[in-house]
Every structure is written in structure tokens, then in C-alpha cells.
Amino acid sequence: MNLTNKIASIDYDADRVKIANLAKVIRATDYVPGAVKVRVPIAQMRS
């Protein structure tokens, strides 16, 4: 969590948690979820 930039990063298991439910929990704590960025690991990537 970066309070200066007002940004939090969340790692979650997409097989167990749906984005809609995650956003609902965030809103329940009086925070507003912003844009979503997704990082996808690529196995055996060549440079």
C-alpha cells in the first residue's frame, strides 16, 4: 500500500476469488476500487 499515491496492490487467486467480489469488499471498507491491472507470468520467455 502506498498512502502517498493512494494505491494498493492486491495479489489473489483468480480460481478462488472473483474481481466483482473483491471490489465489493473494498467498497464495504469505504474505499473506491480503481482501474485493474493484470500481470500474467509467461513461462520460458525468451529475450
PDB file of N, CA and C in Angstrom:
ATOM      1  N   MET A   1       0.843  -1.165   0.000  1.00  0.00           N
ATOM      2  CA  MET A   1       0.000   0.000   0.000  1.00  0.00           C
ATOM      3  C   MET A   1       0.889   1.229   0.000  1.00  0.00           C
ATOM      4  N   ASN A   2       0.591   2.168  -0.871  1.00  0.00           N
ATOM      5  CA  ASN A   2       1.321   3.413  -0.951  1.00  0.00           C
ATOM      6  C   ASN A   2       0.348   4.540  -0.613  1.00  0.00           C
ATOM      7  N   LEU A   3       0.433   5.036   0.584  1.00  0.00           N
ATOM      8  CA  LEU A   3      -0.507   6.069   1.034  1.00  0.00           C
ATOM      9  C   LEU A   3      -0.294   7.398   0.330  1.00  0.00           C
ATOM     10  N   THR A   4       0.929   7.675  -0.078  1.00  0.00           N
ATOM     11  CA  THR A   4       1.212   8.922  -0.786  1.00  0.00           C
ATOM     12  C   THR A   4       0.483   8.959  -2.121  1.00  0.00           C
ATOM     13  N   ASN A   5       0.560   7.870  -2.865  1.00  0.00           N
ATOM     14  CA  ASN A   5      -0.087   7.795  -4.172  1.00  0.00           C
ATOM     15  C   ASN A   5      -1.505   7.256  -4.100  1.00  0.00           C
ATOM     16  N   LYS A   6      -1.909   6.834  -2.925  1.00  0.00           N
ATOM     17  CA  LYS A   6      -3.241   6.250  -2.716  1.00  0.00           C
ATOM     18  C   LYS A   6      -3.465   5.027  -3.598  1.00  0.00           C
ATOM     19  N   ILE A   7      -2.448   4.159  -3.627  1.00  0.00           N
ATOM     20  CA  ILE A   7      -2.520   2.950  -4.445  1.00  0.00           C
ATOM     21  C   ILE A   7      -2.213   1.734  -3.577  1.00  0.00           C
ATOM     22  N   ALA A   8      -3.003   0.687  -3.754  1.00  0.00           N
ATOM     23  CA  ALA A   8      -2.749  -0.579  -3.079  1.00  0.00           C
ATOM     24  C   ALA A   8      -2.667  -1.674  -4.139  1.00  0.00           C
ATOM     25  N   SER A   9      -1.779  -2.604  -3.943  1.00  0.00           N
ATOM     26  CA  SER A   9      -1.658  -3.755  -4.830  1.00  0.00           C
ATOM     27  C   SER A   9      -2.182  -4.979  -4.096  1.00  0.00           C
ATOM     28  N   ILE A  10      -2.936  -5.791  -4.802  1.00  0.00           N
ATOM     29  CA  ILE A  10      -3.530  -6.977  -4.192  1.00  0.00           C
ATOM     30  C   ILE A  10      -3.203  -8.193  -5.055  1.00  0.00           C
ATOM     31  N   ASP A  11      -2.617  -9.197  -4.449  1.00  0.00           N
ATOM     32  CA  ASP A  11      -2.405 -10.478  -5.115  1.00  0.00           C
ATOM     33  C   ASP A  11      -3.520 -11.404  -4.668  1.00  0.00           C
ATOM     34  N   TYR A  12      -4.116 -12.111  -5.615  1.00  0.00           N
ATOM     35  CA  TYR A  12      -5.210 -13.015  -5.267  1.00  0.00           C
ATOM     36  C   TYR A  12      -5.204 -14.213  -6.215  1.00  0.00           C
ATOM     37  N   ASP A  13      -5.893 -15.249  -5.831  1.00  0.00           N
ATOM     38  CA  ASP A  13      -6.028 -16.454  -6.640  1.00  0.00           C
ATOM     39  C   ASP A  13      -7.310 -16.338  -7.457  1.00  0.00           C
ATOM     40  N   ALA A  14      -7.166 -16.131  -8.747  1.00  0.00           N
ATOM     41  CA  ALA A  14      -8.326 -15.929  -9.622  1.00  0.00           C
ATOM     42  C   ALA A  14      -9.245 -17.147  -9.680  1.00  0.00           C
ATOM     43  N   ASP A  15      -8.724 -18.312  -9.314  1.00  0.00           N
ATOM     44  CA  ASP A  15      -9.572 -19.504  -9.280  1.00  0.00           C
ATOM     45  C   ASP A  15     -10.479 -19.521  -8.054  1.00  0.00           C
ATOM     46  N   ARG A  16     -10.147 -18.718  -7.057  1.00  0.00           N
ATOM     47  CA  ARG A  16     -10.913 -18.719  -5.809  1.00  0.00           C
ATOM     48  C   ARG A  16     -11.668 -17.421  -5.557  1.00  0.00           C
ATOM     49  N   VAL A  17     -11.237 -16.323  -6.173  1.00  0.00           N
ATOM     50  CA  VAL A  17     -11.827 -15.012  -5.900  1.00  0.00           C
ATOM     51  C   VAL A  17     -12.227 -14.345  -7.213  1.00  0.00           C
ATOM     52  N   LYS A  18     -13.434 -13.832  -7.260  1.00  0.00           N
ATOM     53  CA  LYS A  18     -13.887 -13.098  -8.437  1.00  0.00           C
ATOM     54  C   LYS A  18     -13.643 -11.608  -8.218  1.00  0.00           C
ATOM     55  N   ILE A  19     -13.281 -10.916  -9.291  1.00  0.00           N
ATOM     56  CA  ILE A  19     -12.996  -9.481  -9.214  1.00  0.00           C
ATOM     57  C   ILE A  19     -14.187  -8.720  -8.643  1.00  0.00           C
ATOM     58  N   ALA A  20     -15.389  -9.074  -9.049  1.00  0.00           N
ATOM     59  CA  ALA A  20     -16.586  -8.378  -8.564  1.00  0.00           C
ATOM     60  C   ALA A  20     -16.707  -8.491  -7.047  1.00  0.00           C
ATOM     61  N   ASN A  21     -16.410  -9.665  -6.499  1.00  0.00           N
ATOM     62  CA  ASN A  21     -16.478  -9.845  -5.049  1.00  0.00           C
ATOM     63  C   ASN A  21     -15.377  -9.060  -4.347  1.00  0.00           C
ATOM     64  N   LEU A  22     -14.200  -9.026  -4.940  1.00  0.00           N
ATOM     65  CA  LEU A  22     -13.097  -8.263  -4.371  1.00  0.00           C
ATOM     66  C   LEU A  22     -13.444  -6.777  -4.330  1.00  0.00           C
ATOM     67  N   ALA A  23     -13.997  -6.265  -5.415  1.00  0.00           N
ATOM     68  CA  ALA A  23     -14.402  -4.853  -5.461  1.00  0.00           C
ATOM     69  C   ALA A  23     -15.485  -4.562  -4.427  1.00  0.00           C
ATOM     70  N   LYS A  24     -16.406  -5.490  -4.227  1.00  0.00           N
ATOM     71  CA  LYS A  24     -17.472  -5.318  -3.234  1.00  0.00           C
ATOM     72  C   LYS A  24     -16.893  -5.182  -1.821  1.00  0.00           C
ATOM     73  N   VAL A  25     -15.906  -6.015  -1.507  1.00  0.00           N
ATOM     74  CA  VAL A  25     -15.270  -5.951  -0.190  1.00  0.00           C
ATOM     75  C   VAL A  25     -14.526  -4.629  -0.017  1.00  0.00           C
ATOM     76  N   ILE A  26     -13.856  -4.182  -1.065  1.00  0.00           N
ATOM     77  CA  ILE A  26     -13.132  -2.900  -0.995  1.00  0.00           C
ATOM     78  C   ILE A  26     -14.115  -1.765  -0.739  1.00  0.00           C
ATOM     79  N   ARG A  27     -15.235  -1.761  -1.469  1.00  0.00           N
ATOM     80  CA  ARG A  27     -16.249  -0.705  -1.264  1.00  0.00           C
ATOM     81  C   ARG A  27     -16.845  -0.756   0.141  1.00  0.00           C
ATOM     82  N   ALA A  28     -16.983  -1.939   0.709  1.00  0.00           N
ATOM     83  CA  ALA A  28     -17.546  -2.086   2.057  1.00  0.00           C
ATOM     84  C   ALA A  28     -16.657  -1.447   3.116  1.00  0.00           C
ATOM     85  N   THR A  29     -15.387  -1.233   2.796  1.00  0.00           N
ATOM     86  CA  THR A  29     -14.466  -0.585   3.742  1.00  0.00           C
ATOM     87  C   THR A  29     -14.335   0.909   3.468  1.00  0.00           C
ATOM     88  N   ASP A  30     -15.254   1.444   2.661  1.00  0.00           N
ATOM     89  CA  ASP A  30     -15.298   2.867   2.302  1.00  0.00           C
ATOM     90  C   ASP A  30     -14.135   3.315   1.429  1.00  0.00           C
ATOM     91  N   TYR A  31     -13.533   2.381   0.699  1.00  0.00           N
ATOM     92  CA  TYR A  31     -12.540   2.730  -0.308  1.00  0.00           C
ATOM     93  C   TYR A  31     -13.186   2.541  -1.671  1.00  0.00           C
ATOM     94  N   VAL A  32     -12.594   3.145  -2.691  1.00  0.00           N
ATOM     95  CA  VAL A  32     -13.124   3.031  -4.045  1.00  0.00           C
ATOM     96  C   VAL A  32     -12.111   2.290  -4.905  1.00  0.00           C
ATOM     97  N   PRO A  33     -12.504   1.119  -5.441  1.00  0.00           N
ATOM     98  CA  PRO A  33     -11.576   0.409  -6.318  1.00  0.00           C
ATOM     99  C   PRO A  33     -11.404   1.180  -7.619  1.00  0.00           C
ATOM    100  N   GLY A  34     -10.184   1.248  -8.090  1.00  0.00           N
ATOM    101  CA  GLY A  34      -9.897   1.955  -9.339  1.00  0.00           C
ATOM    102  C   GLY A  34      -9.710   0.981 -10.472  1.00  0.00           C
ATOM    103  N   ALA A  35      -8.859   1.350 -11.400  1.00  0.00           N
ATOM    104  CA  ALA A  35      -8.586   0.522 -12.569  1.00  0.00           C
ATOM    105  C   ALA A  35      -7.871  -0.757 -12.159  1.00  0.00           C
ATOM    106  N   VAL A  36      -8.069  -1.771 -12.943  1.00  0.00           N
ATOM    107  CA  VAL A  36      -7.461  -3.067 -12.672  1.00  0.00           C
ATOM    108  C   VAL A  36      -6.325  -3.298 -13.657  1.00  0.00           C
ATOM    109  N   LYS A  37      -5.186  -3.707 -13.126  1.00  0.00           N
ATOM    110  CA  LYS A  37      -4.069  -4.117 -13.962  1.00  0.00           C
ATOM    111  C   LYS A  37      -3.838  -5.590 -13.707  1.00  0.00           C
ATOM    112  N   VAL A  38      -3.627  -6.318 -14.762  1.00  0.00           N
ATOM    113  CA  VAL A  38      -3.412  -7.754 -14.637  1.00  0.00           C
ATOM    114  C   VAL A  38      -2.007  -8.076 -15.124  1.00  0.00           C
ATOM    115  N   ARG A  39      -1.266  -8.846 -14.318  1.00  0.00           N
ATOM    116  CA  ARG A  39       0.045  -9.321 -14.716  1.00  0.00           C
ATOM    117  C   ARG A  39      -0.051 -10.815 -14.954  1.00  0.00           C
ATOM    118  N   VAL A  40       0.404 -11.238 -16.108  1.00  0.00           N
ATOM    119  CA  VAL A  40       0.349 -12.644 -16.461  1.00  0.00           C
ATOM    120  C   VAL A  40       1.780 -13.156 -16.623  1.00  0.00           C
ATOM    121  N   PRO A  41       2.179 -14.122 -15.806  1.00  0.00           N
ATOM    122  CA  PRO A  41       3.531 -14.671 -15.970  1.00  0.00           C
ATOM    123  C   PRO A  41       3.614 -15.515 -17.236  1.00  0.00           C
ATOM    124  N   ILE A  42       4.722 -15.391 -17.927  1.00  0.00           N
ATOM    125  CA  ILE A  42       4.932 -16.168 -19.147  1.00  0.00           C
ATOM    126  C   ILE A  42       6.103 -17.107 -18.902  1.00  0.00           C
ATOM    127  N   ALA A  43       5.829 -18.407 -18.955  1.00  0.00           N
ATOM    128  CA  ALA A  43       6.858 -19.411 -18.691  1.00  0.00           C
ATOM    129  C   ALA A  43       7.785 -19.520 -19.897  1.00  0.00           C
ATOM    130  N   GLN A  44       9.058 -19.669 -19.609  1.00  0.00           N
ATOM    131  CA  GLN A  44      10.086 -19.903 -20.623  1.00  0.00           C
ATOM    132  C   GLN A  44      10.138 -18.816 -21.690  1.00  0.00           C
ATOM    133  N   MET A  45       9.944 -17.563 -21.287  1.00  0.00           N
ATOM    134  CA  MET A  45      10.004 -16.451 -22.226  1.00  0.00           C
ATOM    135  C   MET A  45      11.438 -16.221 -22.663  1.00  0.00           C
ATOM    136  N   ARG A  46      11.640 -16.050 -23.938  1.00  0.00           N
ATOM    137  CA  ARG A  46      12.979 -15.807 -24.479  1.00  0.00           C
ATOM    138  C   ARG A  46      13.173 -14.332 -24.728  1.00  0.00           C
ATOM    139  N   SER A  47      14.381 -13.838 -24.434  1.00  0.00           N
ATOM    140  CA  SER A  47      14.654 -12.420 -24.668  1.00  0.00           C
ATOM    141  C   SER A  47      15.401 -12.187 -25.947  1.00  0.00           C
TER     142      SER A  47
END
